[in-house]
Amino acid sequence: MIALLLAGGFGSRLQPLTQSVPKCLIKIHEKPLMGYWLEILGDSEISKIIINTHYLAAQVRSYIGDHPLGKKAFLVHEESLLGTGGTILANKKLLNECSFLVAHADNLTKFDLTKFIRAHHNRPKKIEITMMTFRTDDPSSCGIVNVDKDNIVTGFYEKVSNPPGNLANAAVYIIEPSVINFIESLGKNVVDFSTDVLPSYVGLIQTFFNDTYHRDIGTLDSLQKAEENFVP
């Protein structure tokens, strides 16, 4: 399986830290977020890691080049950010028309990759996306999902002021290539996955609950909480 790791964001809410360091290289317990992801995706089940770059790209390239697991990485640069859906579409040929994993390198996570992939392989026939979920302590800052008794998504609420619960989209997915065709049908280059794609797949997304650890390192407060409670 190929993984697409998104690492081009500005990390504006983490300023002043991200004025000189890209968000994906912010450190938790002295290790950059990207380092945790490379360790997860360095698993033998992942044949290649496509990493998009944009902001402070030279630092990301240097880190990947020096990392022992960097040999699995293939870097693609975006002159302007395309959104998650747009990046998927732009790398259509590299994804080889197979199931692929997509994740955001600015999240701190810990999970069993083998179980995640197995859950997707064993999905019901109609399912086209397996979405990782977690319990968030800040529901209004996340995409919140409702699921049925079979853990199929029945509703999706993207960063609303009064979300109906705290079961959140972790922005880690395994996706079928048919979804790329849908993204292409939208007829635009910049595509937000959460607002342009996911609402059309309600009922076609199964969830995989991360009961170990997941946190969006989007703010200085979240970064501090990760330093306090994350166990590598």
C-alpha atoms as a PDB file:
ATOM      1  CA  MET A   1       0.000   0.000   0.000  1.00  0.00           C
ATOM      2  CA  ILE A   2       1.131   3.561  -0.761  1.00  0.00           C
ATOM      3  CA  ALA A   3       0.753   6.351   1.806  1.00  0.00           C
ATOM      4  CA  LEU A   4       0.249  10.043   1.068  1.00  0.00           C
ATOM      5  CA  LEU A   5       1.511  12.201   3.933  1.00  0.00           C
ATOM      6  CA  LEU A   6       0.505  15.875   3.890  1.00  0.00           C
ATOM      7  CA  ALA A   7       3.267  18.140   5.158  1.00  0.00           C
ATOM      8  CA  GLY A   8       2.905  21.466   3.379  1.00  0.00           C
ATOM      9  CA  GLY A   9       0.826  23.526   5.813  1.00  0.00           C
ATOM     10  CA  PHE A  10       1.782  26.855   7.374  1.00  0.00           C
ATOM     11  CA  GLY A  11       0.798  26.090  10.978  1.00  0.00           C
ATOM     12  CA  SER A  12      -0.359  29.679  11.480  1.00  0.00           C
ATOM     13  CA  ARG A  13      -1.927  28.992  14.887  1.00  0.00           C
ATOM     14  CA  LEU A  14       1.423  27.716  16.173  1.00  0.00           C
ATOM     15  CA  GLN A  15       3.247  30.990  15.626  1.00  0.00           C
ATOM     16  CA  PRO A  16       5.810  32.125  16.634  1.00  0.00           C
ATOM     17  CA  LEU A  17       7.168  28.518  16.568  1.00  0.00           C
ATOM     18  CA  THR A  18       6.247  28.042  12.913  1.00  0.00           C
ATOM     19  CA  GLN A  19       7.788  31.296  11.737  1.00  0.00           C
ATOM     20  CA  SER A  20      11.049  29.412  11.310  1.00  0.00           C
ATOM     21  CA  VAL A  21      10.062  25.715  11.550  1.00  0.00           C
ATOM     22  CA  PRO A  22       7.416  23.943   9.436  1.00  0.00           C
ATOM     23  CA  LYS A  23       4.535  22.518  11.421  1.00  0.00           C
ATOM     24  CA  CYS A  24       5.409  18.924  10.556  1.00  0.00           C
ATOM     25  CA  LEU A  25       8.821  19.387  12.216  1.00  0.00           C
ATOM     26  CA  ILE A  26       7.504  20.771  15.509  1.00  0.00           C
ATOM     27  CA  LYS A  27       8.891  18.551  18.256  1.00  0.00           C
ATOM     28  CA  ILE A  28       7.073  16.499  20.898  1.00  0.00           C
ATOM     29  CA  HIS A  29       9.468  15.009  23.446  1.00  0.00           C
ATOM     30  CA  GLU A  30      12.376  16.161  21.267  1.00  0.00           C
ATOM     31  CA  LYS A  31      11.154  14.280  18.176  1.00  0.00           C
ATOM     32  CA  PRO A  32       9.512  16.036  15.190  1.00  0.00           C
ATOM     33  CA  LEU A  33       5.949  15.080  14.302  1.00  0.00           C
ATOM     34  CA  MET A  34       7.265  13.844  10.960  1.00  0.00           C
ATOM     35  CA  GLY A  35       9.541  11.421  12.798  1.00  0.00           C
ATOM     36  CA  TYR A  36       6.595   9.737  14.498  1.00  0.00           C
ATOM     37  CA  TRP A  37       4.832   9.371  11.159  1.00  0.00           C
ATOM     38  CA  LEU A  38       7.871   7.906   9.424  1.00  0.00           C
ATOM     39  CA  GLU A  39       8.150   5.302  12.169  1.00  0.00           C
ATOM     40  CA  ILE A  40       4.484   4.324  11.722  1.00  0.00           C
ATOM     41  CA  LEU A  41       4.558   4.305   7.934  1.00  0.00           C
ATOM     42  CA  GLY A  42       7.967   2.660   7.759  1.00  0.00           C
ATOM     43  CA  ASP A  43       6.050  -0.569   8.339  1.00  0.00           C
ATOM     44  CA  SER A  44       6.669  -3.167   5.634  1.00  0.00           C
ATOM     45  CA  GLU A  45       3.023  -2.961   4.506  1.00  0.00           C
ATOM     46  CA  ILE A  46       3.706   0.524   3.135  1.00  0.00           C
ATOM     47  CA  SER A  47       5.750   0.341  -0.056  1.00  0.00           C
ATOM     48  CA  LYS A  48       6.126   4.083  -0.657  1.00  0.00           C
ATOM     49  CA  ILE A  49       5.421   7.303   1.244  1.00  0.00           C
ATOM     50  CA  ILE A  50       4.493  10.274  -0.965  1.00  0.00           C
ATOM     51  CA  ILE A  51       5.059  13.509   0.983  1.00  0.00           C
ATOM     52  CA  ASN A  52       3.807  16.865  -0.270  1.00  0.00           C
ATOM     53  CA  THR A  53       5.763  20.001   0.632  1.00  0.00           C
ATOM     54  CA  HIS A  54       5.141  23.733   0.381  1.00  0.00           C
ATOM     55  CA  TYR A  55       5.996  25.928   3.394  1.00  0.00           C
ATOM     56  CA  LEU A  56       9.699  25.816   4.363  1.00  0.00           C
ATOM     57  CA  ALA A  57      10.046  22.854   2.028  1.00  0.00           C
ATOM     58  CA  ALA A  58      13.867  22.796   2.174  1.00  0.00           C
ATOM     59  CA  GLN A  59      13.759  21.921   5.878  1.00  0.00           C
ATOM     60  CA  VAL A  60      11.322  19.077   5.234  1.00  0.00           C
ATOM     61  CA  ARG A  61      13.459  17.723   2.371  1.00  0.00           C
ATOM     62  CA  SER A  62      16.562  17.854   4.547  1.00  0.00           C
ATOM     63  CA  TYR A  63      14.880  16.031   7.432  1.00  0.00           C
ATOM     64  CA  ILE A  64      13.493  13.313   5.166  1.00  0.00           C
ATOM     65  CA  GLY A  65      16.838  12.914   3.411  1.00  0.00           C
ATOM     66  CA  ASP A  66      18.653  12.374   6.699  1.00  0.00           C
ATOM     67  CA  HIS A  67      16.065  10.032   8.233  1.00  0.00           C
ATOM     68  CA  PRO A  68      16.842   6.282   8.083  1.00  0.00           C
ATOM     69  CA  LEU A  69      13.305   5.607   6.818  1.00  0.00           C
ATOM     70  CA  GLY A  70      13.511   8.406   4.255  1.00  0.00           C
ATOM     71  CA  LYS A  71      14.406   5.918   1.531  1.00  0.00           C
ATOM     72  CA  LYS A  72      10.700   5.036   1.288  1.00  0.00           C
ATOM     73  CA  ALA A  73       9.748   8.670   0.709  1.00  0.00           C
ATOM     74  CA  PHE A  74       8.958  10.390  -2.587  1.00  0.00           C
ATOM     75  CA  LEU A  75       8.608  14.166  -2.210  1.00  0.00           C
ATOM     76  CA  VAL A  76       6.261  16.253  -4.355  1.00  0.00           C
ATOM     77  CA  HIS A  77       6.289  20.039  -4.112  1.00  0.00           C
ATOM     78  CA  GLU A  78       3.201  22.237  -4.410  1.00  0.00           C
ATOM     79  CA  GLU A  79       3.768  25.828  -5.521  1.00  0.00           C
ATOM     80  CA  SER A  80       0.408  26.632  -3.967  1.00  0.00           C
ATOM     81  CA  LEU A  81      -1.515  24.417  -1.565  1.00  0.00           C
ATOM     82  CA  LEU A  82      -4.178  22.278  -3.215  1.00  0.00           C
ATOM     83  CA  GLY A  83      -6.100  21.023  -0.188  1.00  0.00           C
ATOM     84  CA  THR A  84      -6.178  17.353   0.753  1.00  0.00           C
ATOM     85  CA  GLY A  85      -8.451  16.401  -2.132  1.00  0.00           C
ATOM     86  CA  GLY A  86      -6.438  18.444  -4.596  1.00  0.00           C
ATOM     87  CA  THR A  87      -3.191  16.806  -3.498  1.00  0.00           C
ATOM     88  CA  ILE A  88      -4.764  13.361  -3.907  1.00  0.00           C
ATOM     89  CA  LEU A  89      -5.867  14.292  -7.417  1.00  0.00           C
ATOM     90  CA  ALA A  90      -2.489  15.793  -8.346  1.00  0.00           C
ATOM     91  CA  ASN A  91      -0.802  12.505  -7.408  1.00  0.00           C
ATOM     92  CA  LYS A  92      -3.308  10.237  -9.117  1.00  0.00           C
ATOM     93  CA  LYS A  93      -0.700   8.491 -11.276  1.00  0.00           C
ATOM     94  CA  LEU A  94       1.639   7.823  -8.335  1.00  0.00           C
ATOM     95  CA  LEU A  95      -1.165   6.166  -6.352  1.00  0.00           C
ATOM     96  CA  ASN A  96      -1.322   3.327  -8.907  1.00  0.00           C
ATOM     97  CA  GLU A  97      -5.112   2.852  -8.882  1.00  0.00           C
ATOM     98  CA  CYS A  98      -4.965   0.893  -5.606  1.00  0.00           C
ATOM     99  CA  SER A  99      -6.220   1.484  -2.068  1.00  0.00           C
ATOM    100  CA  PHE A 100      -4.045   4.151  -0.446  1.00  0.00           C
ATOM    101  CA  LEU A 101      -3.543   5.747   2.966  1.00  0.00           C
ATOM    102  CA  VAL A 102      -3.779   9.508   3.515  1.00  0.00           C
ATOM    103  CA  ALA A 103      -2.669  11.278   6.703  1.00  0.00           C
ATOM    104  CA  HIS A 104      -1.767  14.743   7.936  1.00  0.00           C
ATOM    105  CA  ALA A 105       1.766  15.061   9.303  1.00  0.00           C
ATOM    106  CA  ASP A 106       0.688  17.787  11.738  1.00  0.00           C
ATOM    107  CA  ASN A 107      -1.219  15.275  13.870  1.00  0.00           C
ATOM    108  CA  LEU A 108       0.397  13.327  16.685  1.00  0.00           C
ATOM    109  CA  THR A 109      -0.827   9.769  16.741  1.00  0.00           C
ATOM    110  CA  LYS A 110      -0.137   6.233  17.854  1.00  0.00           C
ATOM    111  CA  PHE A 111      -2.031   3.276  16.407  1.00  0.00           C
ATOM    112  CA  ASP A 112      -1.685  -0.224  15.009  1.00  0.00           C
ATOM    113  CA  LEU A 113      -1.182   0.246  11.271  1.00  0.00           C
ATOM    114  CA  THR A 114      -1.684  -3.448  10.523  1.00  0.00           C
ATOM    115  CA  LYS A 115      -5.100  -3.454  12.234  1.00  0.00           C
ATOM    116  CA  PHE A 116      -6.086  -0.272  10.381  1.00  0.00           C
ATOM    117  CA  ILE A 117      -5.211  -1.788   7.003  1.00  0.00           C
ATOM    118  CA  ARG A 118      -6.899  -5.077   7.931  1.00  0.00           C
ATOM    119  CA  ALA A 119     -10.089  -3.225   8.876  1.00  0.00           C
ATOM    120  CA  HIS A 120     -10.189  -1.679   5.426  1.00  0.00           C
ATOM    121  CA  HIS A 121      -9.525  -4.961   3.660  1.00  0.00           C
ATOM    122  CA  ASN A 122     -12.412  -6.548   5.628  1.00  0.00           C
ATOM    123  CA  ARG A 123     -14.840  -3.665   5.018  1.00  0.00           C
ATOM    124  CA  PRO A 124     -18.417  -4.179   3.784  1.00  0.00           C
ATOM    125  CA  LYS A 125     -18.765  -4.137  -0.001  1.00  0.00           C
ATOM    126  CA  LYS A 126     -20.272  -0.646  -0.252  1.00  0.00           C
ATOM    127  CA  ILE A 127     -17.528   1.049   1.808  1.00  0.00           C
ATOM    128  CA  GLU A 128     -15.065   3.236  -0.116  1.00  0.00           C
ATOM    129  CA  ILE A 129     -13.273   5.031   2.750  1.00  0.00           C
ATOM    130  CA  THR A 130     -12.081   3.869   6.160  1.00  0.00           C
ATOM    131  CA  MET A 131     -11.773   6.868   8.474  1.00  0.00           C
ATOM    132  CA  MET A 132      -9.823   6.830  11.720  1.00  0.00           C
ATOM    133  CA  THR A 133     -11.732   8.422  14.622  1.00  0.00           C
ATOM    134  CA  PHE A 134     -10.842   9.470  18.174  1.00  0.00           C
ATOM    135  CA  ARG A 135     -12.398  11.155  21.196  1.00  0.00           C
ATOM    136  CA  THR A 136     -11.513  14.849  21.238  1.00  0.00           C
ATOM    137  CA  ASP A 137     -11.381  17.252  24.174  1.00  0.00           C
ATOM    138  CA  ASP A 138     -12.204  20.168  21.819  1.00  0.00           C
ATOM    139  CA  PRO A 139     -15.141  19.080  19.601  1.00  0.00           C
ATOM    140  CA  SER A 140     -15.802  22.487  18.022  1.00  0.00           C
ATOM    141  CA  SER A 141     -12.302  22.490  16.468  1.00  0.00           C
ATOM    142  CA  CYS A 142     -12.749  19.117  14.745  1.00  0.00           C
ATOM    143  CA  GLY A 143     -14.903  17.354  12.227  1.00  0.00           C
ATOM    144  CA  ILE A 144     -17.369  15.402  14.375  1.00  0.00           C
ATOM    145  CA  VAL A 145     -19.025  12.233  13.072  1.00  0.00           C
ATOM    146  CA  ASN A 146     -22.118  10.257  13.938  1.00  0.00           C
ATOM    147  CA  VAL A 147     -21.990   6.507  13.326  1.00  0.00           C
ATOM    148  CA  ASP A 148     -24.515   3.684  13.343  1.00  0.00           C
ATOM    149  CA  LYS A 149     -24.273   0.349  15.158  1.00  0.00           C
ATOM    150  CA  ASP A 150     -21.921  -0.940  12.443  1.00  0.00           C
ATOM    151  CA  ASN A 151     -19.613   2.094  12.770  1.00  0.00           C
ATOM    152  CA  ILE A 152     -20.703   3.495   9.396  1.00  0.00           C
ATOM    153  CA  VAL A 153     -20.741   7.297   9.183  1.00  0.00           C
ATOM    154  CA  THR A 154     -24.294   8.672   9.172  1.00  0.00           C
ATOM    155  CA  GLY A 155     -23.510  12.334   9.742  1.00  0.00           C
ATOM    156  CA  PHE A 156     -20.570  14.689   9.498  1.00  0.00           C
ATOM    157  CA  TYR A 157     -20.204  18.114  11.164  1.00  0.00           C
ATOM    158  CA  GLU A 158     -17.121  20.095  10.200  1.00  0.00           C
ATOM    159  CA  LYS A 159     -16.019  22.485  12.981  1.00  0.00           C
ATOM    160  CA  VAL A 160     -19.489  23.618  14.058  1.00  0.00           C
ATOM    161  CA  SER A 161     -20.121  25.615  17.225  1.00  0.00           C
ATOM    162  CA  ASN A 162     -22.338  23.008  18.933  1.00  0.00           C
ATOM    163  CA  PRO A 163     -21.267  19.599  17.615  1.00  0.00           C
ATOM    164  CA  PRO A 164     -23.390  16.547  18.522  1.00  0.00           C
ATOM    165  CA  GLY A 165     -20.719  14.627  20.407  1.00  0.00           C
ATOM    166  CA  ASN A 166     -16.950  14.262  20.602  1.00  0.00           C
ATOM    167  CA  LEU A 167     -16.227  11.389  18.197  1.00  0.00           C
ATOM    168  CA  ALA A 168     -13.892  13.144  15.773  1.00  0.00           C
ATOM    169  CA  ASN A 169     -12.429  12.559  12.346  1.00  0.00           C
ATOM    170  CA  ALA A 170      -8.691  11.963  12.837  1.00  0.00           C
ATOM    171  CA  ALA A 171      -7.939  12.905   9.192  1.00  0.00           C
ATOM    172  CA  VAL A 172      -6.279   9.533   8.632  1.00  0.00           C
ATOM    173  CA  TYR A 173      -7.933   7.514   5.877  1.00  0.00           C
ATOM    174  CA  ILE A 174      -7.612   4.486   3.664  1.00  0.00           C
ATOM    175  CA  ILE A 175      -9.281   5.346   0.387  1.00  0.00           C
ATOM    176  CA  GLU A 176     -10.402   3.430  -2.683  1.00  0.00           C
ATOM    177  CA  PRO A 177      -9.256   4.751  -6.091  1.00  0.00           C
ATOM    178  CA  SER A 178     -12.897   5.364  -7.110  1.00  0.00           C
ATOM    179  CA  VAL A 179     -12.830   8.373  -4.785  1.00  0.00           C
ATOM    180  CA  ILE A 180     -10.171   9.981  -7.000  1.00  0.00           C
ATOM    181  CA  ASN A 181     -12.616   9.793  -9.895  1.00  0.00           C
ATOM    182  CA  PHE A 182     -15.181  11.640  -7.791  1.00  0.00           C
ATOM    183  CA  ILE A 183     -12.636  14.333  -6.886  1.00  0.00           C
ATOM    184  CA  GLU A 184     -11.782  14.693 -10.574  1.00  0.00           C
ATOM    185  CA  SER A 185     -15.476  15.101 -11.422  1.00  0.00           C
ATOM    186  CA  LEU A 186     -15.602  18.248  -9.262  1.00  0.00           C
ATOM    187  CA  GLY A 187     -13.648  20.026 -11.985  1.00  0.00           C
ATOM    188  CA  LYS A 188     -11.283  22.040  -9.816  1.00  0.00           C
ATOM    189  CA  ASN A 189      -7.682  21.812  -8.672  1.00  0.00           C
ATOM    190  CA  VAL A 190      -8.075  22.960  -5.053  1.00  0.00           C
ATOM    191  CA  VAL A 191     -10.305  20.515  -3.174  1.00  0.00           C
ATOM    192  CA  ASP A 192     -11.061  20.451   0.551  1.00  0.00           C
ATOM    193  CA  PHE A 193     -11.573  16.811   1.484  1.00  0.00           C
ATOM    194  CA  SER A 194     -13.730  17.525   4.538  1.00  0.00           C
ATOM    195  CA  THR A 195     -16.206  19.849   2.843  1.00  0.00           C
ATOM    196  CA  ASP A 196     -16.024  18.929  -0.857  1.00  0.00           C
ATOM    197  CA  VAL A 197     -15.698  15.145  -0.627  1.00  0.00           C
ATOM    198  CA  LEU A 198     -16.731  13.561   2.681  1.00  0.00           C
ATOM    199  CA  PRO A 199     -20.349  14.818   2.718  1.00  0.00           C
ATOM    200  CA  SER A 200     -20.959  12.911  -0.538  1.00  0.00           C
ATOM    201  CA  TYR A 201     -19.702   9.696   1.071  1.00  0.00           C
ATOM    202  CA  VAL A 202     -21.927   9.596   4.165  1.00  0.00           C
ATOM    203  CA  GLY A 203     -23.047   5.976   4.399  1.00  0.00           C
ATOM    204  CA  LEU A 204     -20.024   4.852   2.389  1.00  0.00           C
ATOM    205  CA  ILE A 205     -17.419   5.479   5.125  1.00  0.00           C
ATOM    206  CA  GLN A 206     -16.610   3.043   7.902  1.00  0.00           C
ATOM    207  CA  THR A 207     -14.731   4.144  11.016  1.00  0.00           C
ATOM    208  CA  PHE A 208     -11.717   2.708  12.802  1.00  0.00           C
ATOM    209  CA  PHE A 209     -11.482   3.945  16.379  1.00  0.00           C
ATOM    210  CA  ASN A 210      -8.027   4.943  17.643  1.00  0.00           C
ATOM    211  CA  ASP A 211      -8.099   4.031  21.333  1.00  0.00           C
ATOM    212  CA  THR A 212      -4.374   4.626  21.871  1.00  0.00           C
ATOM    213  CA  TYR A 213      -3.565   8.278  21.118  1.00  0.00           C
ATOM    214  CA  HIS A 214      -4.416  10.985  18.599  1.00  0.00           C
ATOM    215  CA  ARG A 215      -4.192  14.779  18.797  1.00  0.00           C
ATOM    216  CA  ASP A 216      -4.243  17.594  16.271  1.00  0.00           C
ATOM    217  CA  ILE A 217      -1.215  19.750  17.124  1.00  0.00           C
ATOM    218  CA  GLY A 218      -2.966  22.847  15.829  1.00  0.00           C
ATOM    219  CA  THR A 219      -2.471  25.279  18.700  1.00  0.00           C
ATOM    220  CA  LEU A 220       0.100  26.074  21.354  1.00  0.00           C
ATOM    221  CA  ASP A 221      -2.319  24.751  23.988  1.00  0.00           C
ATOM    222  CA  SER A 222      -2.671  21.441  22.156  1.00  0.00           C
ATOM    223  CA  LEU A 223       1.095  21.231  21.801  1.00  0.00           C
ATOM    224  CA  GLN A 224       1.495  21.709  25.550  1.00  0.00           C
ATOM    225  CA  LYS A 225      -1.094  19.007  26.302  1.00  0.00           C
ATOM    226  CA  ALA A 226       0.739  16.592  24.004  1.00  0.00           C
ATOM    227  CA  GLU A 227       3.994  17.250  25.835  1.00  0.00           C
ATOM    228  CA  GLU A 228       2.226  16.472  29.098  1.00  0.00           C
ATOM    229  CA  ASN A 229       0.266  13.340  28.215  1.00  0.00           C
ATOM    230  CA  PHE A 230       1.750  11.627  25.166  1.00  0.00           C
ATOM    231  CA  VAL A 231       3.796   8.525  25.834  1.00  0.00           C
ATOM    232  CA  PRO A 232       6.023   7.643  22.844  1.00  0.00           C
END
